[in-house]
PDB file of N, CA and C in Angstrom:
ATOM      1  N   MET A   1       3.638  -9.356   8.738  1.00  0.00           N
ATOM      2  CA  MET A   1       3.805  -8.907   7.376  1.00  0.00           C
ATOM      3  C   MET A   1       4.389  -7.495   7.421  1.00  0.00           C
ATOM      4  N   LYS A   2       5.272  -7.219   6.529  1.00  0.00           N
ATOM      5  CA  LYS A   2       5.912  -5.918   6.404  1.00  0.00           C
ATOM      6  C   LYS A   2       5.170  -5.108   5.335  1.00  0.00           C
ATOM      7  N   ILE A   3       4.568  -3.976   5.736  1.00  0.00           N
ATOM      8  CA  ILE A   3       3.714  -3.173   4.864  1.00  0.00           C
ATOM      9  C   ILE A   3       4.352  -1.809   4.644  1.00  0.00           C
ATOM     10  N   LEU A   4       4.294  -1.337   3.392  1.00  0.00           N
ATOM     11  CA  LEU A   4       4.790  -0.005   3.072  1.00  0.00           C
ATOM     12  C   LEU A   4       3.626   0.881   2.644  1.00  0.00           C
ATOM     13  N   PHE A   5       3.524   2.057   3.261  1.00  0.00           N
ATOM     14  CA  PHE A   5       2.547   3.069   2.861  1.00  0.00           C
ATOM     15  C   PHE A   5       3.227   4.027   1.904  1.00  0.00           C
ATOM     16  N   ASP A   6       2.606   4.257   0.766  1.00  0.00           N
ATOM     17  CA  ASP A   6       3.070   5.240  -0.204  1.00  0.00           C
ATOM     18  C   ASP A   6       2.613   6.633   0.252  1.00  0.00           C
ATOM     19  N   GLN A   7       3.106   7.656  -0.437  1.00  0.00           N
ATOM     20  CA  GLN A   7       2.647   9.019  -0.178  1.00  0.00           C
ATOM     21  C   GLN A   7       1.135   9.072  -0.372  1.00  0.00           C
ATOM     22  N   GLY A   8       0.448   9.789   0.494  1.00  0.00           N
ATOM     23  CA  GLY A   8      -0.999   9.932   0.363  1.00  0.00           C
ATOM     24  C   GLY A   8      -1.795   8.922   1.176  1.00  0.00           C
ATOM     25  N   THR A   9      -1.169   7.827   1.582  1.00  0.00           N
ATOM     26  CA  THR A   9      -1.869   6.854   2.416  1.00  0.00           C
ATOM     27  C   THR A   9      -1.933   7.423   3.833  1.00  0.00           C
ATOM     28  N   PRO A  10      -3.135   7.557   4.404  1.00  0.00           N
ATOM     29  CA  PRO A  10      -3.241   8.144   5.736  1.00  0.00           C
ATOM     30  C   PRO A  10      -2.485   7.311   6.789  1.00  0.00           C
ATOM     31  N   VAL A  11      -1.540   7.944   7.440  1.00  0.00           N
ATOM     32  CA  VAL A  11      -0.688   7.255   8.418  1.00  0.00           C
ATOM     33  C   VAL A  11      -1.484   6.661   9.580  1.00  0.00           C
ATOM     34  N   PRO A  12      -2.576   7.292  10.055  1.00  0.00           N
ATOM     35  CA  PRO A  12      -3.325   6.677  11.164  1.00  0.00           C
ATOM     36  C   PRO A  12      -3.846   5.274  10.862  1.00  0.00           C
ATOM     37  N   LEU A  13      -3.928   4.901   9.575  1.00  0.00           N
ATOM     38  CA  LEU A  13      -4.379   3.553   9.207  1.00  0.00           C
ATOM     39  C   LEU A  13      -3.491   2.484   9.822  1.00  0.00           C
ATOM     40  N   ARG A  14      -2.222   2.787  10.066  1.00  0.00           N
ATOM     41  CA  ARG A  14      -1.298   1.783  10.622  1.00  0.00           C
ATOM     42  C   ARG A  14      -1.798   1.231  11.951  1.00  0.00           C
ATOM     43  N   ARG A  15      -2.514   2.040  12.737  1.00  0.00           N
ATOM     44  CA  ARG A  15      -3.029   1.577  14.031  1.00  0.00           C
ATOM     45  C   ARG A  15      -4.076   0.476  13.871  1.00  0.00           C
ATOM     46  N   PHE A  16      -4.651   0.367  12.681  1.00  0.00           N
ATOM     47  CA  PHE A  16      -5.711  -0.604  12.433  1.00  0.00           C
ATOM     48  C   PHE A  16      -5.199  -1.850  11.708  1.00  0.00           C
ATOM     49  N   LEU A  17      -3.888  -2.004  11.671  1.00  0.00           N
ATOM     50  CA  LEU A  17      -3.266  -3.174  11.048  1.00  0.00           C
ATOM     51  C   LEU A  17      -2.381  -3.880  12.082  1.00  0.00           C
ATOM     52  N   PRO A  18      -3.004  -4.387  13.149  1.00  0.00           N
ATOM     53  CA  PRO A  18      -2.225  -5.009  14.229  1.00  0.00           C
ATOM     54  C   PRO A  18      -1.500  -6.264  13.745  1.00  0.00           C
ATOM     55  N   GLY A  19      -0.363  -6.494  14.330  1.00  0.00           N
ATOM     56  CA  GLY A  19       0.404  -7.685  13.989  1.00  0.00           C
ATOM     57  C   GLY A  19       1.274  -7.513  12.766  1.00  0.00           C
ATOM     58  N   HIS A  20       1.250  -6.327  12.179  1.00  0.00           N
ATOM     59  CA  HIS A  20       2.049  -6.041  10.993  1.00  0.00           C
ATOM     60  C   HIS A  20       3.046  -4.925  11.304  1.00  0.00           C
ATOM     61  N   THR A  21       4.147  -4.917  10.591  1.00  0.00           N
ATOM     62  CA  THR A  21       5.104  -3.825  10.665  1.00  0.00           C
ATOM     63  C   THR A  21       4.785  -2.874   9.524  1.00  0.00           C
ATOM     64  N   VAL A  22       4.495  -1.616   9.857  1.00  0.00           N
ATOM     65  CA  VAL A  22       4.098  -0.639   8.850  1.00  0.00           C
ATOM     66  C   VAL A  22       5.097   0.512   8.843  1.00  0.00           C
ATOM     67  N   ASN A  23       5.632   0.795   7.672  1.00  0.00           N
ATOM     68  CA  ASN A  23       6.510   1.949   7.468  1.00  0.00           C
ATOM     69  C   ASN A  23       5.943   2.777   6.338  1.00  0.00           C
ATOM     70  N   THR A  24       6.323   4.053   6.303  1.00  0.00           N
ATOM     71  CA  THR A  24       5.930   4.904   5.185  1.00  0.00           C
ATOM     72  C   THR A  24       7.143   5.122   4.294  1.00  0.00           C
ATOM     73  N   ALA A  25       6.865   5.443   3.036  1.00  0.00           N
ATOM     74  CA  ALA A  25       7.956   5.761   2.110  1.00  0.00           C
ATOM     75  C   ALA A  25       8.750   6.949   2.652  1.00  0.00           C
ATOM     76  N   TYR A  26       8.071   7.896   3.252  1.00  0.00           N
ATOM     77  CA  TYR A  26       8.740   9.065   3.820  1.00  0.00           C
ATOM     78  C   TYR A  26       9.699   8.659   4.936  1.00  0.00           C
ATOM     79  N   GLU A  27       9.225   7.809   5.854  1.00  0.00           N
ATOM     80  CA  GLU A  27      10.074   7.357   6.967  1.00  0.00           C
ATOM     81  C   GLU A  27      11.320   6.634   6.461  1.00  0.00           C
ATOM     82  N   ARG A  28      11.187   5.924   5.381  1.00  0.00           N
ATOM     83  CA  ARG A  28      12.311   5.176   4.812  1.00  0.00           C
ATOM     84  C   ARG A  28      13.251   6.056   3.985  1.00  0.00           C
ATOM     85  N   GLY A  29      12.861   7.310   3.751  1.00  0.00           N
ATOM     86  CA  GLY A  29      13.667   8.198   2.926  1.00  0.00           C
ATOM     87  C   GLY A  29      13.459   7.962   1.449  1.00  0.00           C
ATOM     88  N   TRP A  30      12.322   7.366   1.099  1.00  0.00           N
ATOM     89  CA  TRP A  30      12.034   6.996  -0.275  1.00  0.00           C
ATOM     90  C   TRP A  30      10.990   7.891  -0.924  1.00  0.00           C
ATOM     91  N   SER A  31      10.656   9.018  -0.325  1.00  0.00           N
ATOM     92  CA  SER A  31       9.569   9.847  -0.845  1.00  0.00           C
ATOM     93  C   SER A  31       9.884  10.467  -2.202  1.00  0.00           C
ATOM     94  N   GLU A  32      11.149  10.532  -2.562  1.00  0.00           N
ATOM     95  CA  GLU A  32      11.528  11.101  -3.855  1.00  0.00           C
ATOM     96  C   GLU A  32      11.670  10.048  -4.958  1.00  0.00           C
ATOM     97  N   LEU A  33      11.533   8.769  -4.625  1.00  0.00           N
ATOM     98  CA  LEU A  33      11.675   7.716  -5.634  1.00  0.00           C
ATOM     99  C   LEU A  33      10.481   7.685  -6.577  1.00  0.00           C
ATOM    100  N   SER A  34      10.735   7.412  -7.846  1.00  0.00           N
ATOM    101  CA  SER A  34       9.640   7.207  -8.796  1.00  0.00           C
ATOM    102  C   SER A  34       8.927   5.910  -8.423  1.00  0.00           C
ATOM    103  N   ASN A  35       7.719   5.724  -8.934  1.00  0.00           N
ATOM    104  CA  ASN A  35       6.948   4.529  -8.592  1.00  0.00           C
ATOM    105  C   ASN A  35       7.695   3.234  -8.887  1.00  0.00           C
ATOM    106  N   GLY A  36       8.319   3.138 -10.048  1.00  0.00           N
ATOM    107  CA  GLY A  36       9.041   1.917 -10.405  1.00  0.00           C
ATOM    108  C   GLY A  36      10.191   1.648  -9.452  1.00  0.00           C
ATOM    109  N   ASN A  37      10.960   2.682  -9.135  1.00  0.00           N
ATOM    110  CA  ASN A  37      12.078   2.518  -8.197  1.00  0.00           C
ATOM    111  C   ASN A  37      11.582   2.217  -6.786  1.00  0.00           C
ATOM    112  N   LEU A  38      10.460   2.816  -6.412  1.00  0.00           N
ATOM    113  CA  LEU A  38       9.887   2.550  -5.092  1.00  0.00           C
ATOM    114  C   LEU A  38       9.458   1.086  -4.980  1.00  0.00           C
ATOM    115  N   LEU A  39       8.805   0.568  -5.999  1.00  0.00           N
ATOM    116  CA  LEU A  39       8.383  -0.835  -5.980  1.00  0.00           C
ATOM    117  C   LEU A  39       9.587  -1.765  -5.895  1.00  0.00           C
ATOM    118  N   THR A  40      10.616  -1.481  -6.673  1.00  0.00           N
ATOM    119  CA  THR A  40      11.821  -2.317  -6.652  1.00  0.00           C
ATOM    120  C   THR A  40      12.479  -2.274  -5.280  1.00  0.00           C
ATOM    121  N   ARG A  41      12.614  -1.093  -4.730  1.00  0.00           N
ATOM    122  CA  ARG A  41      13.256  -0.942  -3.412  1.00  0.00           C
ATOM    123  C   ARG A  41      12.453  -1.645  -2.327  1.00  0.00           C
ATOM    124  N   ALA A  42      11.126  -1.506  -2.388  1.00  0.00           N
ATOM    125  CA  ALA A  42      10.255  -2.153  -1.403  1.00  0.00           C
ATOM    126  C   ALA A  42      10.386  -3.674  -1.485  1.00  0.00           C
ATOM    127  N   GLU A  43      10.420  -4.204  -2.693  1.00  0.00           N
ATOM    128  CA  GLU A  43      10.599  -5.655  -2.856  1.00  0.00           C
ATOM    129  C   GLU A  43      11.949  -6.094  -2.304  1.00  0.00           C
ATOM    130  N   GLN A  44      12.995  -5.345  -2.593  1.00  0.00           N
ATOM    131  CA  GLN A  44      14.335  -5.690  -2.116  1.00  0.00           C
ATOM    132  C   GLN A  44      14.401  -5.693  -0.593  1.00  0.00           C
ATOM    133  N   ASP A  45      13.620  -4.822   0.042  1.00  0.00           N
ATOM    134  CA  ASP A  45      13.628  -4.727   1.501  1.00  0.00           C
ATOM    135  C   ASP A  45      12.575  -5.610   2.170  1.00  0.00           C
ATOM    136  N   GLY A  46      11.918  -6.452   1.396  1.00  0.00           N
ATOM    137  CA  GLY A  46      11.020  -7.448   1.978  1.00  0.00           C
ATOM    138  C   GLY A  46       9.617  -6.992   2.293  1.00  0.00           C
ATOM    139  N   TYR A  47       9.191  -5.864   1.734  1.00  0.00           N
ATOM    140  CA  TYR A  47       7.808  -5.448   1.939  1.00  0.00           C
ATOM    141  C   TYR A  47       6.904  -6.344   1.110  1.00  0.00           C
ATOM    142  N   GLU A  48       5.768  -6.706   1.699  1.00  0.00           N
ATOM    143  CA  GLU A  48       4.853  -7.622   1.018  1.00  0.00           C
ATOM    144  C   GLU A  48       3.757  -6.882   0.276  1.00  0.00           C
ATOM    145  N   PRO A  49       2.994  -5.993   0.938  1.00  0.00           N
ATOM    146  CA  PRO A  49       2.140  -5.125   0.140  1.00  0.00           C
ATOM    147  C   PRO A  49       2.584  -3.667   0.231  1.00  0.00           C
ATOM    148  N   LEU A  50       2.286  -2.938  -0.820  1.00  0.00           N
ATOM    149  CA  LEU A  50       2.383  -1.481  -0.835  1.00  0.00           C
ATOM    150  C   LEU A  50       0.947  -0.992  -0.808  1.00  0.00           C
ATOM    151  N   ILE A  51       0.639  -0.116   0.146  1.00  0.00           N
ATOM    152  CA  ILE A  51      -0.689   0.494   0.188  1.00  0.00           C
ATOM    153  C   ILE A  51      -0.526   1.921  -0.314  1.00  0.00           C
ATOM    154  N   THR A  52      -1.303   2.261  -1.329  1.00  0.00           N
ATOM    155  CA  THR A  52      -1.171   3.549  -1.998  1.00  0.00           C
ATOM    156  C   THR A  52      -2.540   4.127  -2.296  1.00  0.00           C
ATOM    157  N   THR A  53      -2.556   5.406  -2.643  1.00  0.00           N
ATOM    158  CA  THR A  53      -3.772   6.050  -3.128  1.00  0.00           C
ATOM    159  C   THR A  53      -3.597   6.452  -4.591  1.00  0.00           C
ATOM    160  N   ASP A  54      -2.526   5.997  -5.211  1.00  0.00           N
ATOM    161  CA  ASP A  54      -2.199   6.333  -6.600  1.00  0.00           C
ATOM    162  C   ASP A  54      -3.007   5.453  -7.547  1.00  0.00           C
ATOM    163  N   ARG A  55      -4.085   5.993  -8.055  1.00  0.00           N
ATOM    164  CA  ARG A  55      -4.984   5.237  -8.940  1.00  0.00           C
ATOM    165  C   ARG A  55      -4.359   4.921 -10.294  1.00  0.00           C
ATOM    166  N   ASN A  56      -3.326   5.638 -10.663  1.00  0.00           N
ATOM    167  CA  ASN A  56      -2.700   5.444 -11.974  1.00  0.00           C
ATOM    168  C   ASN A  56      -1.544   4.457 -11.957  1.00  0.00           C
ATOM    169  N   LEU A  57      -1.183   3.954 -10.819  1.00  0.00           N
ATOM    170  CA  LEU A  57      -0.011   3.097 -10.684  1.00  0.00           C
ATOM    171  C   LEU A  57      -0.040   1.914 -11.648  1.00  0.00           C
ATOM    172  N   ARG A  58      -1.160   1.253 -11.755  1.00  0.00           N
ATOM    173  CA  ARG A  58      -1.219   0.065 -12.614  1.00  0.00           C
ATOM    174  C   ARG A  58      -1.124   0.405 -14.095  1.00  0.00           C
ATOM    175  N   TYR A  59      -1.426   1.652 -14.444  1.00  0.00           N
ATOM    176  CA  TYR A  59      -1.315   2.067 -15.845  1.00  0.00           C
ATOM    177  C   TYR A  59       0.089   2.573 -16.166  1.00  0.00           C
ATOM    178  N   GLU A  60       0.786   3.055 -15.150  1.00  0.00           N
ATOM    179  CA  GLU A  60       2.114   3.627 -15.346  1.00  0.00           C
ATOM    180  C   GLU A  60       3.229   2.605 -15.185  1.00  0.00           C
ATOM    181  N   GLN A  61       2.948   1.497 -14.514  1.00  0.00           N
ATOM    182  CA  GLN A  61       3.971   0.499 -14.214  1.00  0.00           C
ATOM    183  C   GLN A  61       3.562  -0.870 -14.744  1.00  0.00           C
ATOM    184  N   ASN A  62       4.538  -1.638 -15.177  1.00  0.00           N
ATOM    185  CA  ASN A  62       4.296  -3.027 -15.545  1.00  0.00           C
ATOM    186  C   ASN A  62       4.360  -3.838 -14.251  1.00  0.00           C
ATOM    187  N   LEU A  63       3.234  -4.311 -13.797  1.00  0.00           N
ATOM    188  CA  LEU A  63       3.159  -5.025 -12.524  1.00  0.00           C
ATOM    189  C   LEU A  63       3.230  -6.544 -12.704  1.00  0.00           C
ATOM    190  N   ALA A  64       3.369  -7.005 -13.930  1.00  0.00           N
ATOM    191  CA  ALA A  64       3.281  -8.433 -14.244  1.00  0.00           C
ATOM    192  C   ALA A  64       4.275  -9.295 -13.475  1.00  0.00           C
ATOM    193  N   ASN A  65       5.500  -8.870 -13.324  1.00  0.00           N
ATOM    194  CA  ASN A  65       6.508  -9.717 -12.672  1.00  0.00           C
ATOM    195  C   ASN A  65       6.875  -9.246 -11.271  1.00  0.00           C
ATOM    196  N   ARG A  66       6.023  -8.467 -10.665  1.00  0.00           N
ATOM    197  CA  ARG A  66       6.282  -7.954  -9.321  1.00  0.00           C
ATOM    198  C   ARG A  66       5.939  -9.002  -8.263  1.00  0.00           C
ATOM    199  N   LYS A  67       6.766  -9.047  -7.228  1.00  0.00           N
ATOM    200  CA  LYS A  67       6.490  -9.914  -6.084  1.00  0.00           C
ATOM    201  C   LYS A  67       5.600  -9.211  -5.066  1.00  0.00           C
ATOM    202  N   ILE A  68       5.729  -7.882  -5.007  1.00  0.00           N
ATOM    203  CA  ILE A  68       4.981  -7.110  -4.022  1.00  0.00           C
ATOM    204  C   ILE A  68       3.515  -6.997  -4.453  1.00  0.00           C
ATOM    205  N   ALA A  69       2.623  -7.110  -3.494  1.00  0.00           N
ATOM    206  CA  ALA A  69       1.202  -6.891  -3.757  1.00  0.00           C
ATOM    207  C   ALA A  69       0.933  -5.389  -3.691  1.00  0.00           C
ATOM    208  N   ILE A  70      -0.034  -4.945  -4.453  1.00  0.00           N
ATOM    209  CA  ILE A  70      -0.408  -3.535  -4.488  1.00  0.00           C
ATOM    210  C   ILE A  70      -1.858  -3.418  -4.027  1.00  0.00           C
ATOM    211  N   ILE A  71      -2.080  -2.568  -3.033  1.00  0.00           N
ATOM    212  CA  ILE A  71      -3.430  -2.274  -2.560  1.00  0.00           C
ATOM    213  C   ILE A  71      -3.653  -0.784  -2.776  1.00  0.00           C
ATOM    214  N   VAL A  72      -4.682  -0.448  -3.555  1.00  0.00           N
ATOM    215  CA  VAL A  72      -4.974   0.950  -3.856  1.00  0.00           C
ATOM    216  C   VAL A  72      -6.244   1.364  -3.124  1.00  0.00           C
ATOM    217  N   LEU A  73      -6.099   2.341  -2.230  1.00  0.00           N
ATOM    218  CA  LEU A  73      -7.263   2.945  -1.586  1.00  0.00           C
ATOM    219  C   LEU A  73      -7.787   3.993  -2.555  1.00  0.00           C
ATOM    220  N   MET A  74      -9.054   3.912  -2.904  1.00  0.00           N
ATOM    221  CA  MET A  74      -9.607   4.780  -3.944  1.00  0.00           C
ATOM    222  C   MET A  74     -10.046   6.141  -3.399  1.00  0.00           C
ATOM    223  N   THR A  75      -9.575   6.493  -2.222  1.00  0.00           N
ATOM    224  CA  THR A  75      -9.776   7.819  -1.640  1.00  0.00           C
ATOM    225  C   THR A  75      -8.600   8.109  -0.715  1.00  0.00           C
ATOM    226  N   THR A  76      -8.345   9.393  -0.494  1.00  0.00           N
ATOM    227  CA  THR A  76      -7.322   9.787   0.483  1.00  0.00           C
ATOM    228  C   THR A  76      -7.973  10.294   1.766  1.00  0.00           C
ATOM    229  N   SER A  77      -9.288  10.289   1.806  1.00  0.00           N
ATOM    230  CA  SER A  77     -10.035  10.834   2.943  1.00  0.00           C
ATOM    231  C   SER A  77      -9.950   9.906   4.158  1.00  0.00           C
ATOM    232  N   TRP A  78      -9.224  10.331   5.177  1.00  0.00           N
ATOM    233  CA  TRP A  78      -9.100   9.520   6.387  1.00  0.00           C
ATOM    234  C   TRP A  78     -10.460   9.268   7.049  1.00  0.00           C
ATOM    235  N   PRO A  79     -11.359  10.262   7.172  1.00  0.00           N
ATOM    236  CA  PRO A  79     -12.657   9.954   7.790  1.00  0.00           C
ATOM    237  C   PRO A  79     -13.407   8.828   7.071  1.00  0.00           C
ATOM    238  N   ARG A  80     -13.327   8.793   5.750  1.00  0.00           N
ATOM    239  CA  ARG A  80     -13.991   7.710   5.000  1.00  0.00           C
ATOM    240  C   ARG A  80     -13.276   6.378   5.198  1.00  0.00           C
ATOM    241  N   ILE A  81     -11.958   6.402   5.103  1.00  0.00           N
ATOM    242  CA  ILE A  81     -11.180   5.172   5.278  1.00  0.00           C
ATOM    243  C   ILE A  81     -11.383   4.623   6.687  1.00  0.00           C
ATOM    244  N   GLN A  82     -11.423   5.513   7.656  1.00  0.00           N
ATOM    245  CA  GLN A  82     -11.573   5.104   9.058  1.00  0.00           C
ATOM    246  C   GLN A  82     -12.848   4.291   9.276  1.00  0.00           C
ATOM    247  N   GLN A  83     -13.881   4.572   8.503  1.00  0.00           N
ATOM    248  CA  GLN A  83     -15.131   3.816   8.616  1.00  0.00           C
ATOM    249  C   GLN A  83     -15.028   2.425   7.994  1.00  0.00           C
ATOM    250  N   GLN A  84     -13.954   2.168   7.234  1.00  0.00           N
ATOM    251  CA  GLN A  84     -13.788   0.899   6.528  1.00  0.00           C
ATOM    252  C   GLN A  84     -12.522   0.146   6.957  1.00  0.00           C
ATOM    253  N   THR A  85     -11.984   0.448   8.133  1.00  0.00           N
ATOM    254  CA  THR A  85     -10.713  -0.164   8.534  1.00  0.00           C
ATOM    255  C   THR A  85     -10.798  -1.685   8.656  1.00  0.00           C
ATOM    256  N   ASP A  86     -11.946  -2.213   9.074  1.00  0.00           N
ATOM    257  CA  ASP A  86     -12.093  -3.675   9.157  1.00  0.00           C
ATOM    258  C   ASP A  86     -11.954  -4.299   7.773  1.00  0.00           C
ATOM    259  N   ARG A  87     -12.563  -3.672   6.789  1.00  0.00           N
ATOM    260  CA  ARG A  87     -12.481  -4.161   5.405  1.00  0.00           C
ATOM    261  C   ARG A  87     -11.051  -4.073   4.880  1.00  0.00           C
ATOM    262  N   VAL A  88     -10.380  -2.968   5.146  1.00  0.00           N
ATOM    263  CA  VAL A  88      -8.988  -2.813   4.722  1.00  0.00           C
ATOM    264  C   VAL A  88      -8.130  -3.891   5.375  1.00  0.00           C
ATOM    265  N   GLN A  89      -8.322  -4.106   6.662  1.00  0.00           N
ATOM    266  CA  GLN A  89      -7.540  -5.117   7.381  1.00  0.00           C
ATOM    267  C   GLN A  89      -7.770  -6.509   6.803  1.00  0.00           C
ATOM    268  N   THR A  90      -9.001  -6.845   6.485  1.00  0.00           N
ATOM    269  CA  THR A  90      -9.316  -8.152   5.903  1.00  0.00           C
ATOM    270  C   THR A  90      -8.596  -8.342   4.572  1.00  0.00           C
ATOM    271  N   ILE A  91      -8.604  -7.314   3.736  1.00  0.00           N
ATOM    272  CA  ILE A  91      -7.935  -7.396   2.438  1.00  0.00           C
ATOM    273  C   ILE A  91      -6.426  -7.509   2.614  1.00  0.00           C
ATOM    274  N   VAL A  92      -5.862  -6.719   3.516  1.00  0.00           N
ATOM    275  CA  VAL A  92      -4.416  -6.789   3.780  1.00  0.00           C
ATOM    276  C   VAL A  92      -4.037  -8.191   4.241  1.00  0.00           C
ATOM    277  N   ASP A  93      -4.808  -8.751   5.158  1.00  0.00           N
ATOM    278  CA  ASP A  93      -4.494 -10.076   5.696  1.00  0.00           C
ATOM    279  C   ASP A  93      -4.583 -11.180   4.643  1.00  0.00           C
ATOM    280  N   ALA A  94      -5.412 -10.972   3.611  1.00  0.00           N
ATOM    281  CA  ALA A  94      -5.633 -12.016   2.609  1.00  0.00           C
ATOM    282  C   ALA A  94      -4.846 -11.804   1.315  1.00  0.00           C
ATOM    283  N   ILE A  95      -4.195 -10.666   1.158  1.00  0.00           N
ATOM    284  CA  ILE A  95      -3.536 -10.342  -0.111  1.00  0.00           C
ATOM    285  C   ILE A  95      -2.415 -11.341  -0.414  1.00  0.00           C
ATOM    286  N   GLN A  96      -2.303 -11.695  -1.670  1.00  0.00           N
ATOM    287  CA  GLN A  96      -1.280 -12.647  -2.121  1.00  0.00           C
ATOM    288  C   GLN A  96      -0.159 -11.900  -2.845  1.00  0.00           C
ATOM    289  N   PRO A  97       1.064 -12.396  -2.778  1.00  0.00           N
ATOM    290  CA  PRO A  97       2.187 -11.739  -3.457  1.00  0.00           C
ATOM    291  C   PRO A  97       1.896 -11.529  -4.941  1.00  0.00           C
ATOM    292  N   GLY A  98       2.274 -10.357  -5.426  1.00  0.00           N
ATOM    293  CA  GLY A  98       2.148 -10.060  -6.848  1.00  0.00           C
ATOM    294  C   GLY A  98       0.757  -9.709  -7.329  1.00  0.00           C
ATOM    295  N   THR A  99      -0.201  -9.584  -6.413  1.00  0.00           N
ATOM    296  CA  THR A  99      -1.564  -9.267  -6.829  1.00  0.00           C
ATOM    297  C   THR A  99      -1.839  -7.774  -6.699  1.00  0.00           C
ATOM    298  N   TYR A 100      -2.941  -7.357  -7.306  1.00  0.00           N
ATOM    299  CA  TYR A 100      -3.356  -5.963  -7.326  1.00  0.00           C
ATOM    300  C   TYR A 100      -4.797  -5.903  -6.846  1.00  0.00           C
ATOM    301  N   GLN A 101      -5.082  -5.025  -5.889  1.00  0.00           N
ATOM    302  CA  GLN A 101      -6.430  -4.927  -5.332  1.00  0.00           C
ATOM    303  C   GLN A 101      -6.795  -3.458  -5.125  1.00  0.00           C
ATOM    304  N   GLU A 102      -7.928  -3.056  -5.648  1.00  0.00           N
ATOM    305  CA  GLU A 102      -8.445  -1.707  -5.402  1.00  0.00           C
ATOM    306  C   GLU A 102      -9.520  -1.808  -4.340  1.00  0.00           C
ATOM    307  N   ILE A 103      -9.517  -0.855  -3.400  1.00  0.00           N
ATOM    308  CA  ILE A 103     -10.539  -0.809  -2.360  1.00  0.00           C
ATOM    309  C   ILE A 103     -11.367   0.454  -2.581  1.00  0.00           C
ATOM    310  N   PHE A 104     -12.599   0.264  -3.016  1.00  0.00           N
ATOM    311  CA  PHE A 104     -13.514   1.379  -3.238  1.00  0.00           C
ATOM    312  C   PHE A 104     -14.151   1.733  -1.904  1.00  0.00           C
ATOM    313  N   ILE A 105     -14.033   2.991  -1.522  1.00  0.00           N
ATOM    314  CA  ILE A 105     -14.560   3.462  -0.242  1.00  0.00           C
ATOM    315  C   ILE A 105     -15.458   4.649  -0.526  1.00  0.00           C
ATOM    316  N   GLU A 106     -16.709   4.554  -0.088  1.00  0.00           N
ATOM    317  CA  GLU A 106     -17.669   5.638  -0.324  1.00  0.00           C
ATOM    318  C   GLU A 106     -17.669   6.615   0.815  1.00  0.00           C
TER     319      GLU A 106
END
């Protein structure tokens, strides 16, 4: 699966998603794109989920006709996320195209 990390998604998380190709918006040169343009570009380039920490994305964008799945990490704290990498991996592996999933991490 081809995964795109948005700004704010901790890059070390990619090591915990084996078997997937993970790129960041920054690596792709897309860090200046607005959310809507980023989603469109990611879909055009075959990314399946976008992993983001942007809690407002679903309120700012119409996600109804999107092919890309959206996974929102509800924290940017790598130490907290690192304790939940198995859970994140399970959700990534099961995510369906066009769906939206928030991951609450304490």
